[in-house]
Amino acid sequence: MRDNAKAARGRTPVWQAIAASLRGDISEGRYVAGDKLPTEAQLAARFGVNRHTVRHALSQLVADGLVRTRRGAGAFVAARPTDYPIGERVRFHENLLAAGRRPDRRVLNIECRAATAGEARALDIEEGAPVCAYHGLSLADDAPIALFESVFPLDRVAGIDRHLGETSSVTEALSRAGVADYTRASTRLTAMRADVTQALHLHLREGDPLLRTTSVNVDAAGQPVEYGRTWFAGDHVTLTLEH
């Protein structure tokens, strides 16, 4: 009896499984932005549960920003996760336009400081060398999808801090600093949970899933010009690997 009770406690709640299934339907394009979802009665019949359980699942999707409800009209898809390719040439603006979304970036902070040990290793510079750190929020159709931090070696891309203050585009800022082209040398993906600050920026709840990418971009000569970390809202973005 005790073993059965432990097993029951370890199972995924039914409403969470229903929310995950509907989230998958939206991610795979079965329902797109603006589509009306099946009624609570239809979903209850589909999953073999009562309407209260379905309502709980829909409330989770509303909290995640994927679904909106209108009294007397039903539940509608607010947005589907954004496809975001990760490859040798990663350009935020072009990626979102290609996915049919409207890109935007909000600058949170730009600061010049000394490189940490980890940043120095990634950028192949001395620890304590001057760097520019660019913190911001990436949006798709006015909805926040990611927080990012980009670190640039000031000795290699002089004036990048000034250029970033003039344009939110990293590509344009690097071009103005003399880097005509750059490519992704490495990318590392890590699953993690949102802390309080990240959750506030991304309109999530503390503990919601994030996907963090850690990457290094290099110029035509193979010299590192950017060390970046991006925290994607796990339910709002589908990362795809390009070859």
C-alpha atoms as a PDB file:
ATOM      1  CA  MET A   1       0.000   0.000   0.000  1.00  0.00           C
ATOM      2  CA  ARG A   2       2.850   2.373   0.897  1.00  0.00           C
ATOM      3  CA  ASP A   3       4.630   1.656  -2.409  1.00  0.00           C
ATOM      4  CA  ASN A   4       1.418   2.424  -4.322  1.00  0.00           C
ATOM      5  CA  ALA A   5       1.057   5.718  -2.459  1.00  0.00           C
ATOM      6  CA  LYS A   6       4.651   6.682  -3.300  1.00  0.00           C
ATOM      7  CA  ALA A   7       4.098   5.811  -6.963  1.00  0.00           C
ATOM      8  CA  ALA A   8       0.939   7.928  -7.038  1.00  0.00           C
ATOM      9  CA  ARG A   9       2.787  10.873  -5.514  1.00  0.00           C
ATOM     10  CA  GLY A  10       5.484  10.542  -8.179  1.00  0.00           C
ATOM     11  CA  ARG A  11       3.082  10.678 -11.123  1.00  0.00           C
ATOM     12  CA  THR A  12       2.615  13.811 -13.236  1.00  0.00           C
ATOM     13  CA  PRO A  13      -0.732  15.472 -12.361  1.00  0.00           C
ATOM     14  CA  VAL A  14      -3.307  14.907 -15.103  1.00  0.00           C
ATOM     15  CA  TRP A  15      -3.886  18.636 -15.651  1.00  0.00           C
ATOM     16  CA  GLN A  16      -0.138  19.142 -16.248  1.00  0.00           C
ATOM     17  CA  ALA A  17      -0.109  16.323 -18.797  1.00  0.00           C
ATOM     18  CA  ILE A  18      -3.074  17.916 -20.597  1.00  0.00           C
ATOM     19  CA  ALA A  19      -1.356  21.318 -20.606  1.00  0.00           C
ATOM     20  CA  ALA A  20       1.808  19.720 -22.032  1.00  0.00           C
ATOM     21  CA  SER A  21      -0.209  17.975 -24.748  1.00  0.00           C
ATOM     22  CA  LEU A  22      -1.953  21.206 -25.780  1.00  0.00           C
ATOM     23  CA  ARG A  23       1.362  23.049 -25.654  1.00  0.00           C
ATOM     24  CA  GLY A  24       2.722  20.457 -28.069  1.00  0.00           C
ATOM     25  CA  ASP A  25      -0.279  20.940 -30.377  1.00  0.00           C
ATOM     26  CA  ILE A  26       0.452  24.676 -30.488  1.00  0.00           C
ATOM     27  CA  SER A  27       4.196  24.185 -30.949  1.00  0.00           C
ATOM     28  CA  GLU A  28       3.648  21.809 -33.873  1.00  0.00           C
ATOM     29  CA  GLY A  29       1.227  24.190 -35.587  1.00  0.00           C
ATOM     30  CA  ARG A  30      -2.032  22.234 -35.128  1.00  0.00           C
ATOM     31  CA  TYR A  31      -3.378  25.448 -33.639  1.00  0.00           C
ATOM     32  CA  VAL A  32      -1.904  28.804 -34.672  1.00  0.00           C
ATOM     33  CA  ALA A  33      -2.200  32.313 -33.253  1.00  0.00           C
ATOM     34  CA  GLY A  34      -5.860  33.361 -33.234  1.00  0.00           C
ATOM     35  CA  ASP A  35      -7.268  29.824 -33.489  1.00  0.00           C
ATOM     36  CA  LYS A  36     -10.017  28.824 -31.083  1.00  0.00           C
ATOM     37  CA  LEU A  37      -9.227  25.725 -29.040  1.00  0.00           C
ATOM     38  CA  PRO A  38     -11.823  22.969 -28.624  1.00  0.00           C
ATOM     39  CA  THR A  39     -14.393  23.629 -25.912  1.00  0.00           C
ATOM     40  CA  GLU A  40     -13.874  22.450 -22.347  1.00  0.00           C
ATOM     41  CA  ALA A  41     -16.436  19.702 -22.975  1.00  0.00           C
ATOM     42  CA  GLN A  42     -14.603  18.552 -26.112  1.00  0.00           C
ATOM     43  CA  LEU A  43     -11.237  18.567 -24.353  1.00  0.00           C
ATOM     44  CA  ALA A  44     -12.710  16.708 -21.382  1.00  0.00           C
ATOM     45  CA  ALA A  45     -13.976  14.028 -23.761  1.00  0.00           C
ATOM     46  CA  ARG A  46     -10.630  13.871 -25.585  1.00  0.00           C
ATOM     47  CA  PHE A  47      -8.611  13.353 -22.419  1.00  0.00           C
ATOM     48  CA  GLY A  48     -11.228  11.403 -20.445  1.00  0.00           C
ATOM     49  CA  VAL A  49     -11.363  13.850 -17.544  1.00  0.00           C
ATOM     50  CA  ASN A  50     -13.814  16.282 -16.019  1.00  0.00           C
ATOM     51  CA  ARG A  51     -14.092  19.908 -17.097  1.00  0.00           C
ATOM     52  CA  HIS A  52     -12.510  21.179 -13.880  1.00  0.00           C
ATOM     53  CA  THR A  53      -9.272  19.356 -14.782  1.00  0.00           C
ATOM     54  CA  VAL A  54      -9.349  20.831 -18.304  1.00  0.00           C
ATOM     55  CA  ARG A  55      -9.949  24.295 -16.846  1.00  0.00           C
ATOM     56  CA  HIS A  56      -6.892  23.873 -14.619  1.00  0.00           C
ATOM     57  CA  ALA A  57      -4.754  22.958 -17.657  1.00  0.00           C
ATOM     58  CA  LEU A  58      -6.041  25.935 -19.657  1.00  0.00           C
ATOM     59  CA  SER A  59      -5.314  28.264 -16.738  1.00  0.00           C
ATOM     60  CA  GLN A  60      -1.692  27.118 -16.857  1.00  0.00           C
ATOM     61  CA  LEU A  61      -1.468  27.907 -20.582  1.00  0.00           C
ATOM     62  CA  VAL A  62      -2.993  31.335 -19.931  1.00  0.00           C
ATOM     63  CA  ALA A  63      -0.362  31.956 -17.233  1.00  0.00           C
ATOM     64  CA  ASP A  64       2.336  30.874 -19.725  1.00  0.00           C
ATOM     65  CA  GLY A  65       1.049  33.411 -22.236  1.00  0.00           C
ATOM     66  CA  LEU A  66       0.190  30.801 -24.882  1.00  0.00           C
ATOM     67  CA  VAL A  67      -3.596  30.994 -24.537  1.00  0.00           C
ATOM     68  CA  ARG A  68      -6.098  33.761 -23.827  1.00  0.00           C
ATOM     69  CA  THR A  69      -9.730  33.329 -22.855  1.00  0.00           C
ATOM     70  CA  ARG A  70     -12.816  35.433 -23.535  1.00  0.00           C
ATOM     71  CA  ARG A  71     -15.885  35.043 -21.374  1.00  0.00           C
ATOM     72  CA  GLY A  72     -18.601  33.290 -23.335  1.00  0.00           C
ATOM     73  CA  ALA A  73     -16.347  32.827 -26.389  1.00  0.00           C
ATOM     74  CA  GLY A  74     -13.797  30.210 -25.275  1.00  0.00           C
ATOM     75  CA  ALA A  75     -10.012  29.824 -25.337  1.00  0.00           C
ATOM     76  CA  PHE A  76      -7.798  31.088 -28.159  1.00  0.00           C
ATOM     77  CA  VAL A  77      -4.142  30.630 -29.058  1.00  0.00           C
ATOM     78  CA  ALA A  78      -2.302  33.818 -28.144  1.00  0.00           C
ATOM     79  CA  ALA A  79       0.951  32.812 -29.795  1.00  0.00           C
ATOM     80  CA  ARG A  80       2.932  29.783 -30.818  1.00  0.00           C
ATOM     81  CA  PRO A  81       6.558  29.200 -29.799  1.00  0.00           C
ATOM     82  CA  THR A  82       9.002  31.028 -32.042  1.00  0.00           C
ATOM     83  CA  ASP A  83      11.309  28.883 -34.176  1.00  0.00           C
ATOM     84  CA  TYR A  84      14.848  30.117 -33.556  1.00  0.00           C
ATOM     85  CA  PRO A  85      17.675  28.474 -35.524  1.00  0.00           C
ATOM     86  CA  ILE A  86      21.097  28.030 -33.925  1.00  0.00           C
ATOM     87  CA  GLY A  87      23.863  27.761 -36.502  1.00  0.00           C
ATOM     88  CA  GLU A  88      27.080  29.257 -37.790  1.00  0.00           C
ATOM     89  CA  ARG A  89      25.353  32.509 -38.750  1.00  0.00           C
ATOM     90  CA  VAL A  90      22.934  33.549 -36.015  1.00  0.00           C
ATOM     91  CA  ARG A  91      21.230  36.894 -36.569  1.00  0.00           C
ATOM     92  CA  PHE A  92      18.378  37.750 -34.200  1.00  0.00           C
ATOM     93  CA  HIS A  93      16.535  40.150 -36.509  1.00  0.00           C
ATOM     94  CA  GLU A  94      16.739  37.910 -39.587  1.00  0.00           C
ATOM     95  CA  ASN A  95      15.803  34.779 -37.614  1.00  0.00           C
ATOM     96  CA  LEU A  96      12.550  36.252 -36.331  1.00  0.00           C
ATOM     97  CA  LEU A  97      11.596  37.813 -39.650  1.00  0.00           C
ATOM     98  CA  ALA A  98      12.112  34.415 -41.302  1.00  0.00           C
ATOM     99  CA  ALA A  99       9.791  32.892 -38.674  1.00  0.00           C
ATOM    100  CA  GLY A 100       7.106  35.456 -39.522  1.00  0.00           C
ATOM    101  CA  ARG A 101       7.526  37.360 -36.257  1.00  0.00           C
ATOM    102  CA  ARG A 102       8.230  41.044 -35.589  1.00  0.00           C
ATOM    103  CA  PRO A 103      11.615  41.393 -33.835  1.00  0.00           C
ATOM    104  CA  ASP A 104      12.578  44.003 -31.280  1.00  0.00           C
ATOM    105  CA  ARG A 105      15.255  44.483 -28.644  1.00  0.00           C
ATOM    106  CA  ARG A 106      15.175  46.446 -25.425  1.00  0.00           C
ATOM    107  CA  VAL A 107      18.469  47.640 -23.953  1.00  0.00           C
ATOM    108  CA  LEU A 108      18.676  47.050 -20.199  1.00  0.00           C
ATOM    109  CA  ASN A 109      22.274  48.075 -19.522  1.00  0.00           C
ATOM    110  CA  ILE A 110      25.597  48.749 -21.265  1.00  0.00           C
ATOM    111  CA  GLU A 111      28.706  48.854 -19.096  1.00  0.00           C
ATOM    112  CA  CYS A 112      32.481  48.815 -19.514  1.00  0.00           C
ATOM    113  CA  ARG A 113      34.334  46.780 -16.906  1.00  0.00           C
ATOM    114  CA  ALA A 114      37.082  44.230 -16.347  1.00  0.00           C
ATOM    115  CA  ALA A 115      36.734  40.735 -17.824  1.00  0.00           C
ATOM    116  CA  THR A 116      36.024  37.876 -15.450  1.00  0.00           C
ATOM    117  CA  ALA A 117      38.110  34.713 -15.629  1.00  0.00           C
ATOM    118  CA  GLY A 118      35.423  32.886 -17.623  1.00  0.00           C
ATOM    119  CA  GLU A 119      34.954  35.750 -20.064  1.00  0.00           C
ATOM    120  CA  ALA A 120      38.714  36.025 -20.538  1.00  0.00           C
ATOM    121  CA  ARG A 121      38.997  32.330 -21.418  1.00  0.00           C
ATOM    122  CA  ALA A 122      36.114  32.541 -23.898  1.00  0.00           C
ATOM    123  CA  LEU A 123      37.449  35.692 -25.576  1.00  0.00           C
ATOM    124  CA  ASP A 124      41.132  34.692 -25.435  1.00  0.00           C
ATOM    125  CA  ILE A 125      42.143  37.804 -23.520  1.00  0.00           C
ATOM    126  CA  GLU A 126      43.771  38.471 -20.159  1.00  0.00           C
ATOM    127  CA  GLU A 127      41.631  38.314 -17.038  1.00  0.00           C
ATOM    128  CA  GLY A 128      40.838  41.890 -16.068  1.00  0.00           C
ATOM    129  CA  ALA A 129      41.177  43.214 -19.630  1.00  0.00           C
ATOM    130  CA  PRO A 130      38.564  45.850 -20.547  1.00  0.00           C
ATOM    131  CA  VAL A 131      35.286  44.546 -21.961  1.00  0.00           C
ATOM    132  CA  CYS A 132      31.879  45.960 -22.824  1.00  0.00           C
ATOM    133  CA  ALA A 133      28.892  44.043 -21.414  1.00  0.00           C
ATOM    134  CA  TYR A 134      25.561  44.533 -23.187  1.00  0.00           C
ATOM    135  CA  HIS A 135      22.427  43.345 -21.357  1.00  0.00           C
ATOM    136  CA  GLY A 136      19.044  43.311 -23.044  1.00  0.00           C
ATOM    137  CA  LEU A 137      15.655  41.763 -23.678  1.00  0.00           C
ATOM    138  CA  SER A 138      14.654  40.179 -26.997  1.00  0.00           C
ATOM    139  CA  LEU A 139      11.016  40.374 -28.089  1.00  0.00           C
ATOM    140  CA  ALA A 140       8.873  38.788 -30.798  1.00  0.00           C
ATOM    141  CA  ASP A 141       5.609  40.573 -31.656  1.00  0.00           C
ATOM    142  CA  ASP A 142       6.111  42.665 -28.487  1.00  0.00           C
ATOM    143  CA  ALA A 143       6.283  39.536 -26.285  1.00  0.00           C
ATOM    144  CA  PRO A 144       9.545  38.888 -24.376  1.00  0.00           C
ATOM    145  CA  ILE A 145      11.232  35.658 -25.455  1.00  0.00           C
ATOM    146  CA  ALA A 146      14.790  35.944 -24.139  1.00  0.00           C
ATOM    147  CA  LEU A 147      17.231  37.784 -21.917  1.00  0.00           C
ATOM    148  CA  PHE A 148      20.768  38.159 -23.206  1.00  0.00           C
ATOM    149  CA  GLU A 149      24.229  39.307 -22.176  1.00  0.00           C
ATOM    150  CA  SER A 150      26.909  39.937 -24.814  1.00  0.00           C
ATOM    151  CA  VAL A 151      30.504  40.666 -23.796  1.00  0.00           C
ATOM    152  CA  PHE A 152      32.940  42.295 -26.242  1.00  0.00           C
ATOM    153  CA  PRO A 153      36.740  42.749 -25.876  1.00  0.00           C
ATOM    154  CA  LEU A 154      37.300  46.514 -26.070  1.00  0.00           C
ATOM    155  CA  ASP A 155      40.885  46.195 -27.297  1.00  0.00           C
ATOM    156  CA  ARG A 156      39.617  44.197 -30.280  1.00  0.00           C
ATOM    157  CA  VAL A 157      36.388  46.106 -31.057  1.00  0.00           C
ATOM    158  CA  ALA A 158      37.115  49.641 -29.876  1.00  0.00           C
ATOM    159  CA  GLY A 159      34.094  51.880 -29.488  1.00  0.00           C
ATOM    160  CA  ILE A 160      31.577  49.027 -29.395  1.00  0.00           C
ATOM    161  CA  ASP A 161      29.984  50.528 -26.271  1.00  0.00           C
ATOM    162  CA  ARG A 162      29.278  53.779 -28.112  1.00  0.00           C
ATOM    163  CA  HIS A 163      27.931  51.963 -31.160  1.00  0.00           C
ATOM    164  CA  LEU A 164      25.620  49.784 -29.057  1.00  0.00           C
ATOM    165  CA  GLY A 165      24.230  52.954 -27.521  1.00  0.00           C
ATOM    166  CA  GLU A 166      23.362  54.154 -31.018  1.00  0.00           C
ATOM    167  CA  THR A 167      21.863  50.918 -32.374  1.00  0.00           C
ATOM    168  CA  SER A 168      20.372  47.884 -30.617  1.00  0.00           C
ATOM    169  CA  SER A 169      21.716  45.622 -33.405  1.00  0.00           C
ATOM    170  CA  VAL A 170      24.870  43.727 -32.458  1.00  0.00           C
ATOM    171  CA  THR A 171      25.625  43.101 -36.139  1.00  0.00           C
ATOM    172  CA  GLU A 172      25.438  46.818 -36.954  1.00  0.00           C
ATOM    173  CA  ALA A 173      27.456  47.790 -33.863  1.00  0.00           C
ATOM    174  CA  LEU A 174      30.202  45.295 -34.747  1.00  0.00           C
ATOM    175  CA  SER A 175      30.231  46.564 -38.323  1.00  0.00           C
ATOM    176  CA  ARG A 176      30.724  50.137 -37.104  1.00  0.00           C
ATOM    177  CA  ALA A 177      33.578  48.855 -34.898  1.00  0.00           C
ATOM    178  CA  GLY A 178      35.303  47.351 -37.933  1.00  0.00           C
ATOM    179  CA  VAL A 179      34.007  43.747 -37.830  1.00  0.00           C
ATOM    180  CA  ALA A 180      32.403  43.363 -41.249  1.00  0.00           C
ATOM    181  CA  ASP A 181      31.373  39.745 -40.675  1.00  0.00           C
ATOM    182  CA  TYR A 182      31.344  37.203 -37.877  1.00  0.00           C
ATOM    183  CA  THR A 183      30.344  33.566 -37.387  1.00  0.00           C
ATOM    184  CA  ARG A 184      29.405  31.330 -34.494  1.00  0.00           C
ATOM    185  CA  ALA A 185      32.396  29.268 -33.360  1.00  0.00           C
ATOM    186  CA  SER A 186      30.632  27.354 -30.575  1.00  0.00           C
ATOM    187  CA  THR A 187      27.269  27.018 -28.844  1.00  0.00           C
ATOM    188  CA  ARG A 188      26.386  25.212 -25.642  1.00  0.00           C
ATOM    189  CA  LEU A 189      22.782  24.547 -24.544  1.00  0.00           C
ATOM    190  CA  THR A 190      21.770  24.172 -20.896  1.00  0.00           C
ATOM    191  CA  ALA A 191      18.318  23.644 -19.358  1.00  0.00           C
ATOM    192  CA  MET A 192      17.662  25.616 -16.183  1.00  0.00           C
ATOM    193  CA  ARG A 193      14.957  27.303 -14.102  1.00  0.00           C
ATOM    194  CA  ALA A 194      14.069  30.993 -14.090  1.00  0.00           C
ATOM    195  CA  ASP A 195      15.062  33.007 -11.058  1.00  0.00           C
ATOM    196  CA  VAL A 196      12.910  35.865  -9.766  1.00  0.00           C
ATOM    197  CA  THR A 197      14.485  38.582 -11.930  1.00  0.00           C
ATOM    198  CA  GLN A 198      14.444  36.495 -15.103  1.00  0.00           C
ATOM    199  CA  ALA A 199      10.822  35.564 -14.488  1.00  0.00           C
ATOM    200  CA  LEU A 200       9.824  39.223 -14.138  1.00  0.00           C
ATOM    201  CA  HIS A 201      11.514  40.224 -17.392  1.00  0.00           C
ATOM    202  CA  LEU A 202      10.148  37.258 -19.358  1.00  0.00           C
ATOM    203  CA  HIS A 203       6.631  37.341 -17.865  1.00  0.00           C
ATOM    204  CA  LEU A 204       7.117  33.899 -16.346  1.00  0.00           C
ATOM    205  CA  ARG A 205       6.871  32.424 -12.882  1.00  0.00           C
ATOM    206  CA  GLU A 206       9.921  31.728 -10.765  1.00  0.00           C
ATOM    207  CA  GLY A 207      11.077  28.181 -11.522  1.00  0.00           C
ATOM    208  CA  ASP A 208       9.654  28.053 -15.059  1.00  0.00           C
ATOM    209  CA  PRO A 209      11.918  26.351 -17.646  1.00  0.00           C
ATOM    210  CA  LEU A 210      14.602  28.288 -19.499  1.00  0.00           C
ATOM    211  CA  LEU A 211      17.040  27.253 -22.215  1.00  0.00           C
ATOM    212  CA  ARG A 212      20.414  28.968 -21.898  1.00  0.00           C
ATOM    213  CA  THR A 213      22.759  29.210 -24.851  1.00  0.00           C
ATOM    214  CA  THR A 214      26.418  30.075 -24.286  1.00  0.00           C
ATOM    215  CA  SER A 215      28.296  30.995 -27.434  1.00  0.00           C
ATOM    216  CA  VAL A 216      31.420  32.571 -28.923  1.00  0.00           C
ATOM    217  CA  ASN A 217      31.418  34.534 -32.161  1.00  0.00           C
ATOM    218  CA  VAL A 218      34.618  35.097 -34.145  1.00  0.00           C
ATOM    219  CA  ASP A 219      35.670  37.479 -36.911  1.00  0.00           C
ATOM    220  CA  ALA A 220      37.029  36.493 -40.333  1.00  0.00           C
ATOM    221  CA  ALA A 221      40.485  35.920 -38.813  1.00  0.00           C
ATOM    222  CA  GLY A 222      39.081  33.567 -36.162  1.00  0.00           C
ATOM    223  CA  GLN A 223      39.537  36.043 -33.299  1.00  0.00           C
ATOM    224  CA  PRO A 224      36.729  36.010 -30.695  1.00  0.00           C
ATOM    225  CA  VAL A 225      34.724  39.247 -30.825  1.00  0.00           C
ATOM    226  CA  GLU A 226      31.679  38.327 -28.734  1.00  0.00           C
ATOM    227  CA  TYR A 227      30.958  36.012 -25.819  1.00  0.00           C
ATOM    228  CA  GLY A 228      27.229  35.695 -25.345  1.00  0.00           C
ATOM    229  CA  ARG A 229      24.744  34.088 -23.022  1.00  0.00           C
ATOM    230  CA  THR A 230      21.031  34.038 -23.795  1.00  0.00           C
ATOM    231  CA  TRP A 231      18.214  32.773 -21.564  1.00  0.00           C
ATOM    232  CA  PHE A 232      15.233  31.745 -23.721  1.00  0.00           C
ATOM    233  CA  ALA A 233      11.755  31.283 -22.220  1.00  0.00           C
ATOM    234  CA  GLY A 234      11.399  27.521 -22.659  1.00  0.00           C
ATOM    235  CA  ASP A 235       7.707  27.570 -23.612  1.00  0.00           C
ATOM    236  CA  HIS A 236       8.023  30.520 -25.994  1.00  0.00           C
ATOM    237  CA  VAL A 237      10.898  29.400 -28.218  1.00  0.00           C
ATOM    238  CA  THR A 238      11.767  26.255 -30.178  1.00  0.00           C
ATOM    239  CA  LEU A 239      15.522  26.152 -30.771  1.00  0.00           C
ATOM    240  CA  THR A 240      16.568  24.350 -33.958  1.00  0.00           C
ATOM    241  CA  LEU A 241      20.101  23.360 -34.933  1.00  0.00           C
ATOM    242  CA  GLU A 242      21.272  24.287 -38.428  1.00  0.00           C
ATOM    243  CA  HIS A 243      24.068  22.436 -40.236  1.00  0.00           C
END
